[in-house]
N, C-alpha and C. Protein backbone atom coordinates (compact mmCIF):
# COMPACT_ATOMS: atom_id res chain seq x y z
N UNK A 1 0.95 -1.19 0.04
CA UNK A 1 0.22 0.09 -0.14
C UNK A 1 0.81 1.45 -0.16
N UNK A 2 0.53 2.21 -0.91
CA UNK A 2 1.33 3.49 -1.03
C UNK A 2 0.65 4.43 0.09
N UNK A 3 1.62 4.90 0.77
CA UNK A 3 1.09 5.74 2.12
C UNK A 3 1.76 7.20 1.81
N UNK A 4 0.73 7.99 1.55
CA UNK A 4 0.78 9.47 0.92
C UNK A 4 0.35 10.33 1.73
N UNK A 5 1.05 11.44 2.17
CA UNK A 5 0.41 12.66 2.92
C UNK A 5 -0.48 13.53 1.88
N UNK A 6 -1.32 13.94 2.26
CA UNK A 6 -2.14 15.05 1.59
C UNK A 6 -2.37 16.30 2.59
N UNK A 7 -1.94 17.30 1.89
CA UNK A 7 -1.98 18.62 2.76
C UNK A 7 -3.15 19.50 2.38
N UNK A 8 -4.07 19.69 3.24
CA UNK A 8 -5.43 20.48 3.01
C UNK A 8 -5.22 21.82 3.61
N UNK A 9 -5.29 23.02 3.03
CA UNK A 9 -5.00 24.28 3.46
C UNK A 9 -6.29 24.65 4.32
N UNK A 10 -6.01 25.28 5.39
CA UNK A 10 -6.97 25.73 6.39
C UNK A 10 -7.37 27.20 5.89
N UNK A 11 -8.66 27.41 5.65
CA UNK A 11 -9.17 28.45 5.14
C UNK A 11 -8.66 29.64 5.95
N UNK A 12 -8.23 30.71 5.52
CA UNK A 12 -7.78 32.03 6.20
C UNK A 12 -6.54 31.90 7.07
N UNK A 13 -5.85 30.84 7.21
CA UNK A 13 -4.64 30.76 7.83
C UNK A 13 -3.51 30.17 6.98
N UNK A 14 -2.39 30.23 7.60
CA UNK A 14 -1.20 29.74 6.68
C UNK A 14 -0.77 28.50 7.50
N UNK A 15 -1.74 27.63 7.55
CA UNK A 15 -1.53 26.25 7.98
C UNK A 15 -2.28 25.09 7.40
N UNK A 16 -1.63 23.83 7.38
CA UNK A 16 -2.33 22.71 6.43
C UNK A 16 -2.83 21.76 7.61
N UNK A 17 -3.89 21.10 7.09
CA UNK A 17 -4.20 19.84 8.01
C UNK A 17 -3.66 18.62 6.93
N UNK A 18 -2.77 17.85 7.69
CA UNK A 18 -1.98 16.79 7.10
C UNK A 18 -2.99 15.51 7.46
N UNK A 19 -3.06 14.72 6.20
CA UNK A 19 -3.79 13.45 6.19
C UNK A 19 -2.81 12.21 5.73
N UNK A 20 -2.89 11.24 6.18
CA UNK A 20 -1.98 9.98 5.65
C UNK A 20 -2.97 9.05 5.06
N UNK A 21 -2.92 8.90 3.87
CA UNK A 21 -4.20 7.89 3.27
C UNK A 21 -5.40 8.40 3.48
N UNK A 22 -5.85 9.57 3.83
CA UNK A 22 -7.16 10.00 4.29
C UNK A 22 -7.51 10.25 5.94
N UNK A 23 -6.44 9.65 6.65
CA UNK A 23 -6.50 9.67 8.02
C UNK A 23 -5.89 10.84 8.69
N UNK A 24 -6.42 11.70 9.37
CA UNK A 24 -5.66 12.90 10.26
C UNK A 24 -4.61 12.44 10.89
N UNK A 25 -3.58 13.28 10.68
CA UNK A 25 -2.33 13.25 11.39
C UNK A 25 -2.20 14.31 12.38
N UNK A 26 -1.90 15.48 11.72
CA UNK A 26 -1.43 16.76 12.33
C UNK A 26 -1.76 17.99 11.77
N UNK A 27 -1.47 19.07 12.29
CA UNK A 27 -1.51 20.27 11.38
C UNK A 27 -0.16 21.00 11.35
N UNK A 28 0.22 21.51 10.20
CA UNK A 28 1.52 22.01 10.06
C UNK A 28 1.56 23.50 9.46
N UNK A 29 2.78 24.11 9.63
CA UNK A 29 2.81 25.58 8.92
C UNK A 29 3.48 25.57 7.70
N UNK A 30 3.97 24.06 7.13
CA UNK A 30 4.93 24.08 6.04
C UNK A 30 4.47 22.92 5.38
N UNK A 31 4.33 22.88 4.08
CA UNK A 31 3.93 21.58 3.33
C UNK A 31 5.01 20.70 3.17
N UNK A 32 5.48 19.85 4.03
CA UNK A 32 6.67 19.04 3.95
C UNK A 32 6.46 17.72 4.49
N UNK A 33 6.77 16.92 3.76
CA UNK A 33 6.61 15.31 4.04
C UNK A 33 7.50 14.95 5.31
N UNK A 34 8.72 15.48 5.11
CA UNK A 34 9.89 15.06 5.96
C UNK A 34 9.55 15.63 7.38
N UNK A 35 9.06 16.81 7.46
CA UNK A 35 8.50 17.55 8.72
C UNK A 35 7.60 16.64 9.36
N UNK A 36 6.64 15.99 8.51
CA UNK A 36 5.44 15.35 9.46
C UNK A 36 6.33 13.94 9.69
N UNK A 37 7.05 13.23 8.81
CA UNK A 37 7.58 12.02 9.45
C UNK A 37 8.38 12.19 10.64
N UNK A 38 9.12 13.35 10.98
CA UNK A 38 9.76 13.98 12.03
C UNK A 38 8.66 14.03 13.16
N UNK A 39 7.57 14.46 12.95
CA UNK A 39 6.60 14.53 14.13
C UNK A 39 6.20 13.22 14.68
N UNK A 40 5.89 12.55 13.40
CA UNK A 40 5.59 11.00 13.75
C UNK A 40 6.54 10.41 14.53
N UNK A 41 7.88 10.52 14.57
CA UNK A 41 8.99 9.87 15.07
C UNK A 41 8.94 10.45 16.57
N UNK A 42 8.88 11.82 16.54
CA UNK A 42 8.77 12.46 18.00
C UNK A 42 7.76 11.85 18.78
N UNK A 43 6.64 11.35 18.22
CA UNK A 43 5.47 10.87 18.86
C UNK A 43 5.80 9.48 19.11
N UNK A 44 6.67 8.67 18.69
CA UNK A 44 6.97 7.40 19.07
C UNK A 44 6.85 6.33 17.83
N UNK A 45 6.38 6.91 16.86
CA UNK A 45 6.17 5.94 15.44
C UNK A 45 7.33 5.95 14.66
N UNK A 46 7.66 4.65 14.32
CA UNK A 46 8.88 4.50 13.48
C UNK A 46 8.51 4.74 12.03
N UNK A 47 7.32 4.55 11.75
CA UNK A 47 6.94 4.75 10.20
C UNK A 47 5.61 5.15 10.20
N UNK A 48 5.36 5.31 8.87
CA UNK A 48 3.85 5.82 8.48
C UNK A 48 2.86 4.55 8.83
N UNK A 49 3.49 3.45 8.54
CA UNK A 49 2.55 2.19 8.78
C UNK A 49 2.34 1.97 10.28
N UNK A 50 3.27 2.29 10.99
CA UNK A 50 3.27 2.16 12.44
C UNK A 50 2.16 3.06 13.04
N UNK A 51 2.09 4.32 12.48
CA UNK A 51 1.11 5.35 12.74
C UNK A 51 -0.40 4.74 12.44
N UNK A 52 -0.50 4.47 11.20
CA UNK A 52 -1.82 3.76 10.94
C UNK A 52 -2.35 2.66 11.62
N UNK A 53 -1.15 1.51 11.78
CA UNK A 53 -1.62 0.38 12.66
C UNK A 53 -1.99 0.75 14.21
N UNK A 54 -1.68 1.88 14.72
CA UNK A 54 -1.80 2.11 16.15
C UNK A 54 -3.19 2.77 16.33
N UNK A 55 -3.96 3.06 15.26
CA UNK A 55 -5.05 3.74 15.34
C UNK A 55 -6.29 2.86 15.99
N UNK A 56 -6.91 3.14 17.20
CA UNK A 56 -7.88 2.31 17.66
C UNK A 56 -9.22 2.46 16.91
N UNK A 57 -9.85 1.40 16.91
CA UNK A 57 -11.08 1.40 16.01
C UNK A 57 -12.26 0.88 16.80
N UNK A 58 -13.27 1.80 16.61
CA UNK A 58 -14.80 1.46 17.27
C UNK A 58 -15.62 1.20 16.27
N UNK A 59 -16.62 0.47 16.65
CA UNK A 59 -17.66 0.28 15.61
C UNK A 59 -19.08 0.73 15.89
N UNK A 60 -19.69 1.57 15.28
CA UNK A 60 -20.88 2.14 15.62
C UNK A 60 -21.83 2.09 14.52
N UNK A 61 -23.20 2.31 14.87
CA UNK A 61 -24.18 2.35 13.63
C UNK A 61 -24.29 3.54 13.12
N UNK A 62 -24.77 3.66 11.91
CA UNK A 62 -24.92 4.85 11.03
C UNK A 62 -26.39 4.92 10.56
N UNK A 63 -27.15 5.96 11.01
CA UNK A 63 -28.51 6.02 10.31
C UNK A 63 -28.61 7.03 9.20
N UNK A 64 -29.13 6.66 8.27
CA UNK A 64 -29.42 7.84 7.03
C UNK A 64 -30.92 7.47 6.62
N UNK A 65 -31.80 8.68 7.33
CA UNK A 65 -33.46 8.50 7.16
C UNK A 65 -33.61 7.19 7.70
N UNK A 66 -34.35 6.19 6.79
CA UNK A 66 -34.80 5.10 7.35
C UNK A 66 -33.71 3.67 7.15
N UNK A 67 -32.49 4.26 6.65
CA UNK A 67 -31.69 3.17 6.22
C UNK A 67 -30.59 3.20 7.47
N UNK A 68 -30.17 2.03 7.86
CA UNK A 68 -29.18 1.73 8.85
C UNK A 68 -28.04 0.75 8.51
N UNK A 69 -26.91 1.14 8.82
CA UNK A 69 -25.57 0.27 8.58
C UNK A 69 -25.12 -0.10 9.98
N UNK A 70 -24.96 -1.06 10.57
CA UNK A 70 -24.64 -1.40 11.57
C UNK A 70 -23.06 -1.82 11.56
N UNK A 71 -22.38 -1.61 12.64
CA UNK A 71 -20.99 -2.00 12.78
C UNK A 71 -19.88 -1.04 11.93
N UNK A 72 -20.24 0.12 11.71
CA UNK A 72 -19.34 0.88 10.74
C UNK A 72 -18.12 1.26 11.55
N UNK A 73 -16.86 1.15 11.09
CA UNK A 73 -15.60 1.33 11.73
C UNK A 73 -15.29 2.78 11.97
N UNK A 74 -15.25 3.39 13.06
CA UNK A 74 -14.73 4.70 13.52
C UNK A 74 -13.53 4.69 14.01
N UNK A 75 -12.58 5.57 13.76
CA UNK A 75 -11.33 5.66 14.35
C UNK A 75 -11.34 6.59 15.42
N UNK A 76 -10.77 6.49 16.52
CA UNK A 76 -10.74 7.35 17.67
C UNK A 76 -9.54 8.45 17.49
N UNK A 77 -9.88 9.72 17.32
CA UNK A 77 -9.03 10.73 16.90
C UNK A 77 -8.55 11.24 18.29
N UNK A 78 -7.26 10.85 18.75
CA UNK A 78 -6.66 11.22 19.80
C UNK A 78 -5.92 12.70 19.49
N UNK A 79 -5.51 13.54 20.36
CA UNK A 79 -5.89 13.46 21.89
C UNK A 79 -7.35 13.92 22.38
N UNK A 80 -8.15 14.22 21.35
CA UNK A 80 -9.32 14.92 21.83
C UNK A 80 -10.33 13.83 21.92
N UNK A 81 -10.10 12.49 21.40
CA UNK A 81 -11.15 11.33 21.86
C UNK A 81 -12.33 11.68 20.82
N UNK A 82 -12.43 12.51 19.65
CA UNK A 82 -13.44 12.52 18.84
C UNK A 82 -13.41 11.45 17.76
N UNK A 83 -14.54 10.84 17.21
CA UNK A 83 -14.53 9.95 16.31
C UNK A 83 -14.68 10.43 15.04
N UNK A 84 -13.89 9.65 13.94
CA UNK A 84 -13.63 10.01 12.64
C UNK A 84 -14.02 8.88 11.71
N UNK A 85 -14.73 9.02 10.64
CA UNK A 85 -14.91 8.01 9.62
C UNK A 85 -13.91 8.06 8.51
N UNK A 86 -13.11 7.17 8.16
CA UNK A 86 -12.21 7.35 7.05
C UNK A 86 -12.82 7.50 5.74
N UNK A 87 -12.03 8.05 4.74
CA UNK A 87 -12.66 8.21 3.41
C UNK A 87 -13.02 6.89 2.82
N UNK A 88 -12.28 5.92 3.09
CA UNK A 88 -12.53 4.64 2.20
C UNK A 88 -13.87 4.03 2.84
N UNK A 89 -13.92 4.25 4.32
CA UNK A 89 -15.26 3.88 4.82
C UNK A 89 -16.56 4.56 4.26
N UNK A 90 -16.34 5.92 4.11
CA UNK A 90 -17.58 6.72 3.58
C UNK A 90 -17.76 6.35 2.32
N UNK A 91 -16.64 5.99 1.40
CA UNK A 91 -17.15 5.55 -0.15
C UNK A 91 -17.83 4.23 0.32
N UNK A 92 -17.29 3.33 1.03
CA UNK A 92 -18.23 1.95 1.08
C UNK A 92 -19.62 2.06 1.55
N UNK A 93 -19.66 3.21 2.40
CA UNK A 93 -21.01 3.55 3.09
C UNK A 93 -21.84 3.78 1.93
N UNK A 94 -21.46 4.82 0.95
CA UNK A 94 -22.40 5.10 -0.13
C UNK A 94 -22.64 4.19 -0.91
N UNK A 95 -21.96 2.96 -1.21
CA UNK A 95 -22.19 2.12 -2.06
C UNK A 95 -23.16 1.17 -1.37
N UNK A 96 -23.05 0.92 -0.21
CA UNK A 96 -23.82 0.15 0.84
C UNK A 96 -25.19 0.78 0.70
N UNK A 97 -25.38 1.94 0.93
CA UNK A 97 -26.64 2.69 0.97
C UNK A 97 -27.43 2.62 -0.52
N UNK A 98 -26.51 2.72 -1.53
CA UNK A 98 -27.03 2.46 -2.87
C UNK A 98 -27.73 0.90 -3.11
N UNK A 99 -26.89 0.00 -2.61
CA UNK A 99 -27.22 -1.50 -2.37
C UNK A 99 -28.67 -1.65 -1.73
N UNK A 100 -28.79 -0.81 -0.56
CA UNK A 100 -29.92 -0.89 0.30
C UNK A 100 -31.20 -0.50 -0.53
N UNK A 101 -31.04 0.61 -1.09
CA UNK A 101 -32.06 1.13 -1.85
C UNK A 101 -32.45 0.31 -2.97
N UNK A 102 -31.55 -0.34 -3.67
CA UNK A 102 -31.83 -1.12 -4.93
C UNK A 102 -32.42 -2.47 -4.61
N UNK A 103 -32.27 -2.75 -3.34
CA UNK A 103 -32.69 -4.20 -2.77
C UNK A 103 -33.84 -3.95 -1.80
N UNK A 104 -34.35 -2.87 -1.52
CA UNK A 104 -35.30 -2.32 -0.62
C UNK A 104 -35.06 -2.88 0.65
N UNK A 105 -33.78 -2.77 1.27
CA UNK A 105 -33.20 -3.17 2.75
C UNK A 105 -33.47 -1.81 3.60
N UNK A 106 -33.58 -1.95 4.92
CA UNK A 106 -33.69 -1.04 5.72
C UNK A 106 -32.30 -1.03 6.68
N UNK A 107 -31.83 -2.24 6.92
CA UNK A 107 -30.57 -2.35 7.76
C UNK A 107 -29.76 -3.40 7.34
N UNK A 108 -28.58 -3.18 7.37
CA UNK A 108 -27.56 -4.15 6.77
C UNK A 108 -26.24 -3.88 7.77
N UNK A 109 -25.42 -4.94 7.82
CA UNK A 109 -24.18 -4.84 8.45
C UNK A 109 -22.99 -4.39 7.46
N UNK A 110 -22.26 -3.51 8.04
CA UNK A 110 -21.17 -3.03 7.19
C UNK A 110 -20.28 -4.12 6.45
N UNK A 111 -19.78 -5.18 7.20
CA UNK A 111 -19.22 -6.14 6.60
C UNK A 111 -19.83 -7.15 5.69
N UNK A 112 -21.19 -6.84 5.33
CA UNK A 112 -21.81 -7.88 4.55
C UNK A 112 -21.26 -8.08 3.09
N UNK A 113 -21.01 -9.41 2.98
CA UNK A 113 -20.42 -9.93 1.80
C UNK A 113 -21.12 -9.56 0.48
N UNK A 114 -22.38 -9.75 0.49
CA UNK A 114 -23.24 -9.49 -0.51
C UNK A 114 -22.93 -8.16 -1.50
N UNK A 115 -22.79 -7.09 -0.57
CA UNK A 115 -22.65 -5.85 -1.03
C UNK A 115 -21.28 -5.78 -1.75
N UNK A 116 -20.26 -6.50 -1.27
CA UNK A 116 -18.78 -6.63 -2.02
C UNK A 116 -19.04 -7.19 -3.30
N UNK A 117 -19.87 -8.51 -3.08
CA UNK A 117 -20.13 -9.27 -4.46
C UNK A 117 -20.64 -8.55 -5.39
N UNK A 118 -21.81 -7.86 -5.08
CA UNK A 118 -22.63 -6.87 -5.92
C UNK A 118 -21.56 -5.94 -6.59
N UNK A 119 -20.67 -5.32 -5.83
CA UNK A 119 -19.80 -4.25 -6.38
C UNK A 119 -18.91 -4.84 -7.55
N UNK A 120 -18.54 -5.99 -7.24
CA UNK A 120 -17.65 -6.54 -8.16
C UNK A 120 -17.99 -7.00 -9.49
N UNK A 121 -19.34 -7.24 -9.48
CA UNK A 121 -19.98 -7.65 -10.73
C UNK A 121 -20.42 -6.39 -11.69
N UNK A 122 -20.39 -5.18 -11.02
CA UNK A 122 -20.70 -4.01 -11.85
C UNK A 122 -19.61 -3.68 -12.55
């Protein structure tokens, strides 16, 4: 897996929000991957992989109108303890909601294989 940083400019500020494959890492004043790698090392991570592997995962239900997806993985965003949903999870949830509408379902588990199989046949 390719682990790349993305730098998202914060509106009205000279700072960037840094993400690693969509996962929030930190804020920086300079767009510099080496700077972010150094910040990770200062926080005890030997590599970008170590950082991603160390993220605690919780599973919660997501409701969208009458549609409910159970056991959706959320990442605990430290040090504040807030929960975030990764970009790839959001994409899969969109596909699941489409699948639910097409099949007239009101509830489904996030890890349901039939959704994956349906996606692969399209």
